């Protein structure tokens, strides 16, 4: 199993290298912007595709869009250790048909990138997303590690920062609403138990103090 995963990782990295060398498919219109959102981000990252021109190639977006044979897509992820996922929303712009008519709304395609997946970053594209007059091809793409570096340069938190945010969100105080109310119920139960013991003790003492004294016997007289 480990050998197969190593082969898949190597094949994915090789596909990215070829894609970077050849560029996007001839005549294909690239995304005009990308919006990234996910854990550890106070606000989504919005970048023009021209500013981060490597992002579409590194994320393998042309494979799901135009069945680019240089982008290898897998049916299943090569590992279960995915880590946190970040959603990339690609704005492909408006679609103009042969008559020059526009749809009036931009075509949006979404991918989920796992920059800290075991082995190498992974990108998942859901099949059947409509764009222009087509639909996306679904699958998993094994990205080059430079995708992770680029995302961090764009503002995605480093792995340690993401783990700290996740751990903080899963803490007992957070689960109780962050107000410290998680200890109220145990405290109330303990108080009820103590009160029960105190009442039982008080009843026993009263029975002992009020018990009737024995009458003197004939021998005592």
N, C-alpha and C. Protein backbone atom coordinates (compact mmCIF):
# COMPACT_ATOMS: atom_id res chain seq x y z
N UNK A 1 0.84 -1.21 0.00
CA UNK A 1 0.00 0.00 0.00
C UNK A 1 0.87 1.25 0.00
N UNK A 2 1.95 1.21 0.82
CA UNK A 2 2.82 2.37 0.90
C UNK A 2 3.52 2.61 -0.43
N UNK A 3 3.87 1.51 -1.14
CA UNK A 3 4.53 1.64 -2.44
C UNK A 3 3.59 2.27 -3.45
N UNK A 4 2.32 1.87 -3.45
CA UNK A 4 1.34 2.44 -4.37
C UNK A 4 1.15 3.92 -4.12
N UNK A 5 1.11 4.31 -2.84
CA UNK A 5 0.95 5.72 -2.53
C UNK A 5 2.15 6.52 -2.99
N UNK A 6 3.35 5.95 -2.85
CA UNK A 6 4.55 6.64 -3.30
C UNK A 6 4.53 6.83 -4.80
N UNK A 7 4.07 5.81 -5.53
CA UNK A 7 3.98 5.92 -6.98
C UNK A 7 2.97 7.00 -7.37
N UNK A 8 1.83 7.05 -6.65
CA UNK A 8 0.81 8.05 -6.96
C UNK A 8 1.32 9.44 -6.72
N UNK A 9 2.04 9.63 -5.61
CA UNK A 9 2.60 10.95 -5.32
C UNK A 9 3.58 11.36 -6.38
N UNK A 10 4.46 10.45 -6.78
CA UNK A 10 5.46 10.77 -7.80
C UNK A 10 4.80 11.09 -9.13
N UNK A 11 3.75 10.33 -9.48
CA UNK A 11 3.06 10.58 -10.74
C UNK A 11 2.37 11.93 -10.73
N UNK A 12 1.78 12.29 -9.58
CA UNK A 12 1.11 13.59 -9.49
C UNK A 12 2.08 14.73 -9.63
N UNK A 13 3.24 14.62 -8.96
CA UNK A 13 4.25 15.68 -9.04
C UNK A 13 4.77 15.80 -10.46
N UNK A 14 4.96 14.67 -11.14
CA UNK A 14 5.43 14.71 -12.51
C UNK A 14 4.42 15.38 -13.41
N UNK A 15 3.13 15.13 -13.16
CA UNK A 15 2.09 15.76 -13.97
C UNK A 15 2.09 17.26 -13.80
N UNK A 16 2.32 17.72 -12.56
CA UNK A 16 2.37 19.16 -12.31
C UNK A 16 3.54 19.77 -13.05
N UNK A 17 4.70 19.10 -13.04
CA UNK A 17 5.87 19.62 -13.71
C UNK A 17 5.61 19.80 -15.20
N UNK A 18 4.95 18.81 -15.81
CA UNK A 18 4.62 18.91 -17.23
C UNK A 18 3.64 20.04 -17.48
N UNK A 19 2.66 20.18 -16.58
CA UNK A 19 1.66 21.23 -16.75
C UNK A 19 2.30 22.60 -16.68
N UNK A 20 3.24 22.78 -15.74
CA UNK A 20 3.91 24.06 -15.62
C UNK A 20 4.74 24.37 -16.85
N UNK A 21 5.32 23.34 -17.46
CA UNK A 21 6.14 23.56 -18.64
C UNK A 21 5.29 23.90 -19.85
N UNK A 22 4.12 23.26 -19.96
CA UNK A 22 3.30 23.46 -21.14
C UNK A 22 2.27 24.55 -20.99
N UNK A 23 1.96 24.96 -19.74
CA UNK A 23 0.96 25.99 -19.53
C UNK A 23 -0.44 25.43 -19.65
N UNK A 24 -1.43 26.31 -19.65
CA UNK A 24 -2.82 25.88 -19.74
C UNK A 24 -3.14 25.49 -21.18
N UNK A 25 -4.22 24.74 -21.39
CA UNK A 25 -4.56 24.28 -22.73
C UNK A 25 -4.72 25.43 -23.70
N UNK A 26 -4.40 25.17 -24.97
CA UNK A 26 -4.47 26.22 -25.99
C UNK A 26 -5.89 26.72 -26.13
N UNK A 27 -6.03 28.03 -26.14
CA UNK A 27 -7.34 28.64 -26.33
C UNK A 27 -8.19 28.67 -25.10
N UNK A 28 -7.72 28.10 -23.99
CA UNK A 28 -8.53 28.07 -22.76
C UNK A 28 -8.44 29.41 -22.05
N UNK A 29 -9.57 29.81 -21.52
CA UNK A 29 -9.62 31.07 -20.77
C UNK A 29 -9.36 30.77 -19.30
N UNK A 30 -8.33 31.39 -18.75
CA UNK A 30 -7.98 31.12 -17.36
C UNK A 30 -8.85 31.89 -16.40
N UNK A 31 -8.84 31.51 -15.12
CA UNK A 31 -9.61 32.23 -14.10
C UNK A 31 -9.12 33.67 -13.98
N UNK A 32 -10.05 34.56 -13.67
CA UNK A 32 -9.65 35.96 -13.51
C UNK A 32 -9.41 36.32 -12.06
N UNK A 33 -9.87 35.48 -11.11
CA UNK A 33 -9.57 35.72 -9.69
C UNK A 33 -9.80 34.44 -8.91
N UNK A 34 -9.24 34.43 -7.69
CA UNK A 34 -9.39 33.28 -6.80
C UNK A 34 -9.68 33.79 -5.40
N UNK A 35 -10.64 33.16 -4.72
CA UNK A 35 -10.98 33.49 -3.34
C UNK A 35 -10.74 32.25 -2.49
N UNK A 36 -9.95 32.40 -1.43
CA UNK A 36 -9.58 31.28 -0.57
C UNK A 36 -10.15 31.51 0.82
N UNK A 37 -10.81 30.49 1.36
CA UNK A 37 -11.40 30.59 2.70
C UNK A 37 -11.21 29.27 3.42
N UNK A 38 -11.06 29.36 4.77
CA UNK A 38 -10.88 28.15 5.55
C UNK A 38 -10.44 28.45 6.96
N UNK A 39 -10.08 27.43 7.73
CA UNK A 39 -9.71 27.60 9.15
C UNK A 39 -8.50 28.50 9.33
N UNK A 40 -8.58 29.34 10.38
CA UNK A 40 -7.47 30.23 10.70
C UNK A 40 -7.46 31.53 9.94
N UNK A 41 -8.42 31.73 9.05
CA UNK A 41 -8.49 32.98 8.28
C UNK A 41 -9.59 33.87 8.86
N UNK A 42 -9.23 35.10 9.21
CA UNK A 42 -10.23 36.04 9.72
C UNK A 42 -11.16 36.50 8.61
N UNK A 43 -10.67 36.53 7.39
CA UNK A 43 -11.46 36.92 6.23
C UNK A 43 -10.92 36.18 5.01
N UNK A 44 -11.76 35.93 4.00
CA UNK A 44 -11.27 35.23 2.81
C UNK A 44 -10.15 36.01 2.12
N UNK A 45 -9.26 35.26 1.51
CA UNK A 45 -8.18 35.85 0.71
C UNK A 45 -8.67 35.99 -0.71
N UNK A 46 -8.63 37.18 -1.25
CA UNK A 46 -9.07 37.44 -2.62
C UNK A 46 -7.87 37.93 -3.41
N UNK A 47 -7.55 37.22 -4.47
CA UNK A 47 -6.39 37.58 -5.29
C UNK A 47 -6.76 37.51 -6.75
N UNK A 48 -6.27 38.46 -7.51
CA UNK A 48 -6.43 38.41 -8.95
C UNK A 48 -5.53 37.32 -9.52
N UNK A 49 -6.04 36.57 -10.48
CA UNK A 49 -5.27 35.46 -11.02
C UNK A 49 -3.98 35.95 -11.66
N UNK A 50 -3.97 37.16 -12.18
CA UNK A 50 -2.77 37.69 -12.79
C UNK A 50 -1.66 37.91 -11.78
N UNK A 51 -2.05 38.18 -10.53
CA UNK A 51 -1.07 38.43 -9.48
C UNK A 51 -0.45 37.11 -9.03
N UNK A 52 -1.23 36.08 -8.96
CA UNK A 52 -0.75 34.76 -8.56
C UNK A 52 -0.95 33.79 -9.73
N UNK A 53 -0.26 34.06 -10.82
CA UNK A 53 -0.49 33.30 -12.05
C UNK A 53 -0.15 31.82 -11.91
N UNK A 54 0.66 31.45 -10.91
CA UNK A 54 1.04 30.04 -10.73
C UNK A 54 -0.06 29.24 -10.03
N UNK A 55 -0.96 29.89 -9.34
CA UNK A 55 -1.96 29.17 -8.54
C UNK A 55 -2.84 28.25 -9.38
N UNK A 56 -3.39 28.68 -10.53
CA UNK A 56 -4.22 27.76 -11.31
C UNK A 56 -3.47 26.50 -11.73
N UNK A 57 -2.22 26.65 -12.16
CA UNK A 57 -1.45 25.49 -12.59
C UNK A 57 -1.11 24.58 -11.41
N UNK A 58 -0.68 25.19 -10.28
CA UNK A 58 -0.29 24.38 -9.13
C UNK A 58 -1.49 23.64 -8.53
N UNK A 59 -2.68 24.25 -8.60
CA UNK A 59 -3.89 23.61 -8.08
C UNK A 59 -4.50 22.64 -9.07
N UNK A 60 -3.96 22.57 -10.29
CA UNK A 60 -4.45 21.63 -11.29
C UNK A 60 -5.86 21.89 -11.75
N UNK A 61 -6.25 23.17 -11.77
CA UNK A 61 -7.65 23.48 -12.08
C UNK A 61 -8.00 23.20 -13.54
N UNK A 62 -7.03 23.20 -14.44
CA UNK A 62 -7.35 23.00 -15.85
C UNK A 62 -7.74 21.55 -16.15
N UNK A 63 -7.35 20.62 -15.30
CA UNK A 63 -7.78 19.23 -15.49
C UNK A 63 -9.28 19.07 -15.34
N UNK A 64 -9.86 19.48 -14.20
CA UNK A 64 -11.31 19.38 -14.05
C UNK A 64 -12.10 20.27 -15.01
N UNK A 65 -11.48 21.36 -15.49
CA UNK A 65 -12.21 22.26 -16.38
C UNK A 65 -12.25 21.75 -17.81
N UNK A 66 -11.09 21.42 -18.34
CA UNK A 66 -11.01 21.07 -19.76
C UNK A 66 -10.39 19.71 -20.02
N UNK A 67 -10.45 18.82 -19.02
CA UNK A 67 -9.92 17.46 -19.18
C UNK A 67 -8.50 17.49 -19.72
N UNK A 68 -7.69 18.36 -19.15
CA UNK A 68 -6.29 18.45 -19.55
C UNK A 68 -5.59 17.13 -19.22
N UNK A 69 -5.10 16.45 -20.23
CA UNK A 69 -4.48 15.14 -20.03
C UNK A 69 -3.18 15.22 -19.23
N UNK A 70 -2.61 16.42 -19.12
CA UNK A 70 -1.37 16.57 -18.37
C UNK A 70 -1.63 16.68 -16.87
N UNK A 71 -2.91 16.78 -16.47
CA UNK A 71 -3.27 16.85 -15.06
C UNK A 71 -3.92 15.52 -14.67
N UNK A 72 -3.22 14.75 -13.87
CA UNK A 72 -3.69 13.42 -13.46
C UNK A 72 -4.67 13.56 -12.32
N UNK A 73 -5.88 13.03 -12.49
CA UNK A 73 -6.92 13.04 -11.46
C UNK A 73 -7.16 11.62 -10.97
N UNK A 74 -7.23 11.48 -9.65
CA UNK A 74 -7.48 10.18 -9.02
C UNK A 74 -8.91 10.11 -8.51
N UNK A 75 -9.46 8.90 -8.48
CA UNK A 75 -10.82 8.72 -7.97
C UNK A 75 -10.86 8.82 -6.44
N UNK A 76 -9.79 8.44 -5.77
CA UNK A 76 -9.72 8.46 -4.32
C UNK A 76 -8.43 9.15 -3.87
N UNK A 77 -8.44 9.76 -2.69
CA UNK A 77 -7.21 10.37 -2.19
C UNK A 77 -6.19 9.29 -1.83
N UNK A 78 -4.90 9.53 -2.02
CA UNK A 78 -3.88 8.53 -1.70
C UNK A 78 -3.62 8.36 -0.21
N UNK A 79 -4.24 9.20 0.63
CA UNK A 79 -4.06 9.11 2.07
C UNK A 79 -5.32 9.59 2.77
N UNK A 80 -5.51 9.09 4.02
CA UNK A 80 -6.62 9.55 4.83
C UNK A 80 -6.22 10.73 5.71
N UNK A 81 -4.94 10.98 5.83
CA UNK A 81 -4.44 12.08 6.65
C UNK A 81 -4.44 13.37 5.82
N UNK A 82 -5.61 13.96 5.71
CA UNK A 82 -5.78 15.14 4.85
C UNK A 82 -5.42 16.44 5.54
N UNK A 83 -5.73 16.56 6.82
CA UNK A 83 -5.51 17.83 7.50
C UNK A 83 -6.61 18.82 7.15
N UNK A 84 -6.45 20.08 7.53
CA UNK A 84 -7.49 21.09 7.27
C UNK A 84 -7.65 21.38 5.78
N UNK A 85 -8.89 21.64 5.38
CA UNK A 85 -9.19 21.94 3.98
C UNK A 85 -9.53 23.40 3.77
N UNK A 86 -9.08 23.94 2.64
CA UNK A 86 -9.36 25.33 2.27
C UNK A 86 -10.06 25.35 0.91
N UNK A 87 -11.11 26.13 0.83
CA UNK A 87 -11.89 26.20 -0.40
C UNK A 87 -11.38 27.33 -1.29
N UNK A 88 -11.07 26.98 -2.53
CA UNK A 88 -10.70 27.97 -3.53
C UNK A 88 -11.88 28.15 -4.48
N UNK A 89 -12.38 29.35 -4.59
CA UNK A 89 -13.46 29.66 -5.53
C UNK A 89 -12.87 30.42 -6.70
N UNK A 90 -12.93 29.81 -7.87
CA UNK A 90 -12.39 30.42 -9.08
C UNK A 90 -13.48 31.20 -9.81
N UNK A 91 -13.18 32.45 -10.12
CA UNK A 91 -14.08 33.27 -10.92
C UNK A 91 -13.60 33.19 -12.37
N UNK A 92 -14.37 32.51 -13.21
CA UNK A 92 -13.99 32.31 -14.61
C UNK A 92 -14.52 33.41 -15.52
N UNK A 93 -15.24 34.37 -14.94
CA UNK A 93 -15.79 35.44 -15.76
C UNK A 93 -17.09 35.03 -16.43
N UNK A 94 -17.66 35.94 -17.20
CA UNK A 94 -18.92 35.66 -17.88
C UNK A 94 -18.69 34.82 -19.12
N UNK A 95 -19.71 34.07 -19.48
CA UNK A 95 -19.65 33.23 -20.67
C UNK A 95 -20.41 33.89 -21.81
N UNK A 96 -19.76 33.97 -22.94
CA UNK A 96 -20.39 34.52 -24.14
C UNK A 96 -20.56 33.39 -25.15
N UNK A 97 -21.78 33.21 -25.63
CA UNK A 97 -22.03 32.16 -26.59
C UNK A 97 -21.59 32.61 -27.99
N UNK A 98 -21.86 31.76 -28.98
CA UNK A 98 -21.43 32.07 -30.35
C UNK A 98 -22.09 33.32 -30.90
N UNK A 99 -23.25 33.65 -30.37
CA UNK A 99 -23.95 34.85 -30.84
C UNK A 99 -23.50 36.09 -30.08
N UNK A 100 -22.57 35.91 -29.14
CA UNK A 100 -22.08 37.06 -28.38
C UNK A 100 -22.94 37.42 -27.20
N UNK A 101 -23.87 36.55 -26.83
CA UNK A 101 -24.74 36.81 -25.70
C UNK A 101 -24.08 36.33 -24.40
N UNK A 102 -24.16 37.17 -23.38
CA UNK A 102 -23.55 36.84 -22.09
C UNK A 102 -24.59 36.29 -21.13
N UNK A 103 -24.12 35.44 -20.22
CA UNK A 103 -25.01 34.92 -19.18
C UNK A 103 -25.33 35.98 -18.14
N UNK A 104 -24.49 37.01 -18.05
CA UNK A 104 -24.71 38.10 -17.09
C UNK A 104 -24.16 37.84 -15.72
N UNK A 105 -23.74 36.61 -15.44
CA UNK A 105 -23.16 36.27 -14.13
C UNK A 105 -21.87 35.50 -14.35
N UNK A 106 -20.90 35.67 -13.48
CA UNK A 106 -19.64 34.94 -13.65
C UNK A 106 -19.80 33.47 -13.33
N UNK A 107 -19.03 32.65 -14.03
CA UNK A 107 -19.00 31.22 -13.75
C UNK A 107 -18.05 30.97 -12.59
N UNK A 108 -18.51 30.26 -11.57
CA UNK A 108 -17.72 29.98 -10.37
C UNK A 108 -17.49 28.48 -10.24
N UNK A 109 -16.25 28.10 -10.03
CA UNK A 109 -15.88 26.71 -9.82
C UNK A 109 -15.09 26.62 -8.51
N UNK A 110 -15.41 25.61 -7.71
CA UNK A 110 -14.79 25.48 -6.38
C UNK A 110 -13.94 24.22 -6.29
N UNK A 111 -12.82 24.38 -5.62
CA UNK A 111 -11.95 23.26 -5.29
C UNK A 111 -11.65 23.30 -3.79
N UNK A 112 -11.34 22.15 -3.22
CA UNK A 112 -10.90 22.09 -1.83
C UNK A 112 -9.45 21.62 -1.81
N UNK A 113 -8.59 22.44 -1.26
CA UNK A 113 -7.17 22.12 -1.21
C UNK A 113 -6.78 21.75 0.21
N UNK A 114 -6.00 20.70 0.34
CA UNK A 114 -5.50 20.24 1.64
C UNK A 114 -3.97 20.41 1.63
N UNK A 115 -3.49 21.59 2.02
CA UNK A 115 -2.05 21.87 1.89
C UNK A 115 -1.17 21.03 2.80
N UNK A 116 -1.75 20.50 3.91
CA UNK A 116 -0.95 19.76 4.87
C UNK A 116 -1.26 18.26 4.87
N UNK A 117 -1.77 17.77 3.74
CA UNK A 117 -2.02 16.33 3.63
C UNK A 117 -0.69 15.58 3.67
N UNK A 118 -0.74 14.35 4.15
CA UNK A 118 0.48 13.55 4.26
C UNK A 118 1.06 13.28 2.87
N UNK A 119 2.35 13.50 2.74
CA UNK A 119 3.03 13.23 1.48
C UNK A 119 3.16 14.45 0.61
N UNK A 120 2.05 15.05 0.23
CA UNK A 120 2.05 16.22 -0.64
C UNK A 120 0.66 16.85 -0.61
N UNK A 121 0.54 18.14 -0.91
CA UNK A 121 -0.79 18.77 -0.92
C UNK A 121 -1.74 18.05 -1.89
N UNK A 122 -3.01 18.00 -1.50
CA UNK A 122 -4.03 17.38 -2.34
C UNK A 122 -5.11 18.40 -2.65
N UNK A 123 -5.68 18.28 -3.85
CA UNK A 123 -6.75 19.18 -4.28
C UNK A 123 -7.92 18.32 -4.78
N UNK A 124 -9.11 18.59 -4.25
CA UNK A 124 -10.30 17.84 -4.68
C UNK A 124 -11.26 18.76 -5.41
N UNK A 125 -11.76 18.27 -6.53
CA UNK A 125 -12.76 19.00 -7.31
C UNK A 125 -14.02 18.15 -7.41
N UNK A 126 -15.14 18.73 -7.03
CA UNK A 126 -16.42 18.03 -7.12
C UNK A 126 -16.85 18.00 -8.59
N UNK A 127 -17.30 16.84 -9.03
CA UNK A 127 -17.74 16.69 -10.42
C UNK A 127 -19.10 17.35 -10.63
N UNK A 128 -19.36 17.77 -11.86
CA UNK A 128 -20.67 18.29 -12.23
C UNK A 128 -20.91 19.75 -11.93
N UNK A 129 -19.88 20.51 -11.60
CA UNK A 129 -20.07 21.94 -11.37
C UNK A 129 -20.21 22.64 -12.73
N UNK A 130 -21.31 23.36 -12.93
CA UNK A 130 -21.52 23.99 -14.23
C UNK A 130 -20.64 25.23 -14.42
N UNK A 131 -20.08 25.36 -15.59
CA UNK A 131 -19.34 26.58 -15.96
C UNK A 131 -19.43 26.70 -17.49
N UNK A 132 -19.70 27.92 -17.92
CA UNK A 132 -19.92 28.14 -19.36
C UNK A 132 -21.00 27.16 -19.83
N UNK A 133 -20.69 26.37 -20.84
CA UNK A 133 -21.68 25.39 -21.31
C UNK A 133 -21.22 23.98 -20.98
N UNK A 134 -20.37 23.83 -19.96
CA UNK A 134 -19.79 22.53 -19.63
C UNK A 134 -19.94 22.25 -18.14
N UNK A 135 -19.35 21.13 -17.71
CA UNK A 135 -19.34 20.75 -16.30
C UNK A 135 -17.94 20.25 -15.95
N UNK A 136 -17.60 20.41 -14.67
CA UNK A 136 -16.29 19.98 -14.23
C UNK A 136 -16.19 18.46 -14.16
N UNK A 137 -14.96 17.99 -14.32
CA UNK A 137 -14.64 16.59 -14.09
C UNK A 137 -14.16 16.47 -12.64
N UNK A 138 -14.66 15.48 -11.93
CA UNK A 138 -14.30 15.35 -10.52
C UNK A 138 -13.07 14.49 -10.33
N UNK A 139 -12.40 14.71 -9.19
CA UNK A 139 -11.25 13.87 -8.86
C UNK A 139 -10.30 14.53 -7.89
N UNK A 140 -9.27 13.78 -7.53
CA UNK A 140 -8.23 14.23 -6.61
C UNK A 140 -6.94 14.47 -7.38
N UNK A 141 -6.32 15.59 -7.09
CA UNK A 141 -5.08 15.97 -7.75
C UNK A 141 -3.96 16.06 -6.72
N UNK A 142 -2.84 15.37 -6.99
CA UNK A 142 -1.67 15.44 -6.12
C UNK A 142 -0.82 16.61 -6.58
N UNK A 143 -0.75 17.64 -5.76
CA UNK A 143 -0.07 18.88 -6.14
C UNK A 143 1.38 18.86 -5.70
N UNK A 144 2.14 19.72 -6.33
CA UNK A 144 3.54 19.90 -5.94
C UNK A 144 3.60 20.62 -4.59
N UNK A 145 4.60 20.31 -3.74
CA UNK A 145 4.71 21.00 -2.45
C UNK A 145 4.80 22.51 -2.56
N UNK A 146 5.18 23.03 -3.71
CA UNK A 146 5.26 24.49 -3.88
C UNK A 146 3.89 25.13 -3.79
N UNK A 147 2.80 24.35 -3.97
CA UNK A 147 1.46 24.90 -3.78
C UNK A 147 1.27 25.32 -2.34
N UNK A 148 1.74 24.51 -1.40
CA UNK A 148 1.64 24.85 0.02
C UNK A 148 2.41 26.13 0.32
N UNK A 149 3.59 26.25 -0.24
CA UNK A 149 4.41 27.45 0.00
C UNK A 149 3.71 28.70 -0.56
N UNK A 150 3.11 28.55 -1.74
CA UNK A 150 2.42 29.69 -2.34
C UNK A 150 1.22 30.11 -1.50
N UNK A 151 0.45 29.15 -1.01
CA UNK A 151 -0.72 29.46 -0.19
C UNK A 151 -0.30 30.18 1.10
N UNK A 152 0.79 29.73 1.70
CA UNK A 152 1.28 30.39 2.91
C UNK A 152 1.71 31.82 2.59
N UNK A 153 2.36 32.02 1.44
CA UNK A 153 2.75 33.37 1.03
C UNK A 153 1.53 34.26 0.82
N UNK A 154 0.42 33.66 0.41
CA UNK A 154 -0.81 34.42 0.17
C UNK A 154 -1.57 34.74 1.45
N UNK A 155 -1.20 34.05 2.55
CA UNK A 155 -1.86 34.35 3.82
C UNK A 155 -2.50 33.17 4.52
N UNK A 156 -2.45 31.97 3.92
CA UNK A 156 -2.97 30.79 4.61
C UNK A 156 -2.06 30.47 5.79
N UNK A 157 -2.62 30.22 6.98
CA UNK A 157 -1.77 29.97 8.16
C UNK A 157 -0.88 28.75 7.99
N UNK A 158 0.29 28.81 8.62
CA UNK A 158 1.17 27.65 8.66
C UNK A 158 0.50 26.53 9.46
N UNK A 159 0.99 25.33 9.30
CA UNK A 159 0.35 24.17 9.92
C UNK A 159 0.23 24.32 11.43
N UNK A 160 1.29 24.80 12.09
CA UNK A 160 1.24 24.94 13.55
C UNK A 160 0.15 25.90 13.97
N UNK A 161 -0.01 27.00 13.23
CA UNK A 161 -1.04 27.98 13.57
C UNK A 161 -2.43 27.39 13.40
N UNK A 162 -2.62 26.61 12.34
CA UNK A 162 -3.92 25.99 12.11
C UNK A 162 -4.24 24.99 13.22
N UNK A 163 -3.25 24.20 13.65
CA UNK A 163 -3.48 23.24 14.73
C UNK A 163 -3.82 23.94 16.03
N UNK A 164 -3.20 25.10 16.31
CA UNK A 164 -3.52 25.84 17.52
C UNK A 164 -4.95 26.35 17.49
N UNK A 165 -5.39 26.84 16.33
CA UNK A 165 -6.77 27.33 16.19
C UNK A 165 -7.75 26.19 16.37
N UNK A 166 -7.44 25.04 15.75
CA UNK A 166 -8.34 23.88 15.86
C UNK A 166 -8.42 23.37 17.29
N UNK A 167 -7.27 23.31 17.97
CA UNK A 167 -7.26 22.85 19.36
C UNK A 167 -8.04 23.79 20.27
N UNK A 168 -7.92 25.09 20.02
CA UNK A 168 -8.64 26.07 20.83
C UNK A 168 -10.14 25.94 20.64
N UNK A 169 -10.55 25.70 19.39
CA UNK A 169 -11.99 25.57 19.11
C UNK A 169 -12.57 24.31 19.73
N UNK A 170 -11.74 23.28 19.92
CA UNK A 170 -12.23 22.01 20.48
C UNK A 170 -12.02 21.91 21.98
N UNK A 171 -11.57 22.97 22.65
CA UNK A 171 -11.32 22.92 24.09
C UNK A 171 -12.63 22.83 24.87
N UNK A 172 -12.60 22.30 26.12
CA UNK A 172 -13.84 22.18 26.92
C UNK A 172 -14.54 23.51 27.13
N UNK A 173 -13.76 24.59 27.32
CA UNK A 173 -14.38 25.89 27.54
C UNK A 173 -15.17 26.32 26.33
N UNK A 174 -14.62 26.04 25.12
CA UNK A 174 -15.32 26.39 23.90
C UNK A 174 -16.57 25.55 23.74
N UNK A 175 -16.47 24.25 24.08
CA UNK A 175 -17.64 23.38 23.96
C UNK A 175 -18.75 23.81 24.88
N UNK A 176 -18.44 24.46 26.00
CA UNK A 176 -19.46 24.92 26.94
C UNK A 176 -19.92 26.33 26.63
N UNK A 177 -19.51 26.84 25.46
CA UNK A 177 -19.94 28.18 25.08
C UNK A 177 -18.94 29.23 25.45
N UNK A 178 -17.76 28.84 25.98
CA UNK A 178 -16.72 29.78 26.29
C UNK A 178 -16.99 30.63 27.50
N UNK A 179 -17.99 30.30 28.30
CA UNK A 179 -18.35 31.14 29.44
C UNK A 179 -18.05 30.46 30.77
N UNK A 180 -17.47 29.26 30.73
CA UNK A 180 -17.15 28.54 31.97
C UNK A 180 -18.33 27.88 32.61
N UNK A 181 -19.42 27.73 31.85
CA UNK A 181 -20.62 27.13 32.43
C UNK A 181 -20.52 25.61 32.50
N UNK A 182 -19.45 25.03 31.95
CA UNK A 182 -19.34 23.58 31.94
C UNK A 182 -19.22 22.99 33.33
N UNK A 183 -18.78 23.78 34.34
CA UNK A 183 -18.60 23.23 35.68
C UNK A 183 -19.83 23.39 36.55
N UNK A 184 -20.89 24.04 36.07
CA UNK A 184 -22.06 24.34 36.90
C UNK A 184 -22.76 23.07 37.32
N UNK A 185 -23.05 22.15 36.40
CA UNK A 185 -23.80 20.94 36.74
C UNK A 185 -23.06 20.06 37.74
N UNK A 186 -21.77 19.77 37.54
CA UNK A 186 -21.07 18.98 38.57
C UNK A 186 -21.10 19.63 39.94
N UNK A 187 -20.97 20.96 40.00
CA UNK A 187 -20.98 21.66 41.28
C UNK A 187 -22.34 21.54 41.97
N UNK A 188 -23.41 21.66 41.21
CA UNK A 188 -24.75 21.54 41.77
C UNK A 188 -24.98 20.13 42.30
N UNK A 189 -24.56 19.12 41.55
CA UNK A 189 -24.74 17.75 42.00
C UNK A 189 -23.96 17.48 43.29
N UNK A 190 -22.74 18.03 43.36
CA UNK A 190 -21.95 17.85 44.58
C UNK A 190 -22.62 18.52 45.77
N UNK A 191 -23.19 19.70 45.57
CA UNK A 191 -23.87 20.41 46.65
C UNK A 191 -25.09 19.63 47.13
N UNK A 192 -25.84 19.05 46.18
CA UNK A 192 -27.01 18.25 46.56
C UNK A 192 -26.58 17.04 47.38
N UNK A 193 -25.50 16.39 46.98
CA UNK A 193 -25.02 15.22 47.72
C UNK A 193 -24.61 15.60 49.13
N UNK A 194 -23.89 16.70 49.29
CA UNK A 194 -23.48 17.14 50.61
C UNK A 194 -24.68 17.48 51.50
N UNK A 195 -25.67 18.13 50.90
CA UNK A 195 -26.87 18.48 51.67
C UNK A 195 -27.60 17.23 52.14
N UNK A 196 -27.65 16.20 51.29
CA UNK A 196 -28.32 14.96 51.66
C UNK A 196 -27.63 14.28 52.83
N UNK A 197 -26.28 14.25 52.77
CA UNK A 197 -25.52 13.66 53.88
C UNK A 197 -25.74 14.44 55.16
N UNK A 198 -25.76 15.78 55.08
CA UNK A 198 -25.95 16.60 56.26
C UNK A 198 -27.31 16.36 56.89
N UNK A 199 -28.36 16.26 56.07
CA UNK A 199 -29.71 16.02 56.60
C UNK A 199 -29.80 14.66 57.27
N UNK A 200 -29.17 13.66 56.64
CA UNK A 200 -29.21 12.33 57.23
C UNK A 200 -28.48 12.29 58.57
N UNK A 201 -27.36 12.98 58.66
CA UNK A 201 -26.60 13.03 59.92
C UNK A 201 -27.38 13.74 61.02
N UNK A 202 -28.02 14.86 60.63
CA UNK A 202 -28.82 15.60 61.61
C UNK A 202 -29.96 14.77 62.15
N UNK A 203 -30.59 13.98 61.30
CA UNK A 203 -31.69 13.14 61.74
C UNK A 203 -31.24 12.06 62.71
N UNK A 204 -30.06 11.50 62.43
CA UNK A 204 -29.54 10.46 63.30
C UNK A 204 -29.19 11.01 64.68
N UNK A 205 -28.60 12.22 64.73
CA UNK A 205 -28.25 12.84 66.02
C UNK A 205 -29.50 13.14 66.81
N UNK A 206 -30.56 13.64 66.16
CA UNK A 206 -31.79 13.96 66.88
C UNK A 206 -32.42 12.71 67.48
N UNK A 207 -32.38 11.58 66.71
CA UNK A 207 -32.97 10.35 67.24
C UNK A 207 -32.21 9.89 68.49
N UNK A 208 -30.92 10.09 68.50
CA UNK A 208 -30.13 9.65 69.65
C UNK A 208 -30.39 10.53 70.87
N UNK A 209 -30.55 11.83 70.68
CA UNK A 209 -30.73 12.76 71.81
C UNK A 209 -32.13 12.69 72.38
N UNK A 210 -33.10 12.25 71.60
CA UNK A 210 -34.48 12.22 72.07
C UNK A 210 -34.95 10.81 72.44
N UNK A 211 -34.04 9.86 72.44
CA UNK A 211 -34.45 8.49 72.76
C UNK A 211 -34.88 8.40 74.23
N UNK A 212 -36.03 7.72 74.58
CA UNK A 212 -36.52 7.65 75.97
C UNK A 212 -35.55 6.90 76.88
N UNK A 213 -35.44 7.41 78.14
CA UNK A 213 -34.56 6.75 79.11
C UNK A 213 -35.24 5.53 79.69
N UNK A 214 -34.50 4.53 79.98
CA UNK A 214 -35.08 3.28 80.52
C UNK A 214 -35.54 3.47 81.95
N UNK A 215 -36.75 2.94 82.34
CA UNK A 215 -37.28 3.03 83.67
C UNK A 215 -36.49 2.11 84.61
N UNK A 216 -36.33 2.50 85.90
CA UNK A 216 -35.54 1.65 86.82
C UNK A 216 -36.26 0.32 87.04
N UNK A 217 -35.48 -0.69 87.14
CA UNK A 217 -36.01 -2.04 87.36
C UNK A 217 -36.22 -2.29 88.86
N UNK A 218 -36.90 -3.37 89.17
CA UNK A 218 -37.18 -3.70 90.57
C UNK A 218 -35.90 -3.96 91.34
N UNK A 219 -34.93 -4.56 90.70
CA UNK A 219 -33.66 -4.83 91.40
C UNK A 219 -32.97 -3.56 91.79
N UNK A 220 -33.12 -2.54 90.90
CA UNK A 220 -32.45 -1.27 91.19
C UNK A 220 -33.08 -0.60 92.40
N UNK A 221 -34.42 -0.77 92.63
CA UNK A 221 -35.08 -0.17 93.76
C UNK A 221 -34.63 -0.89 95.02
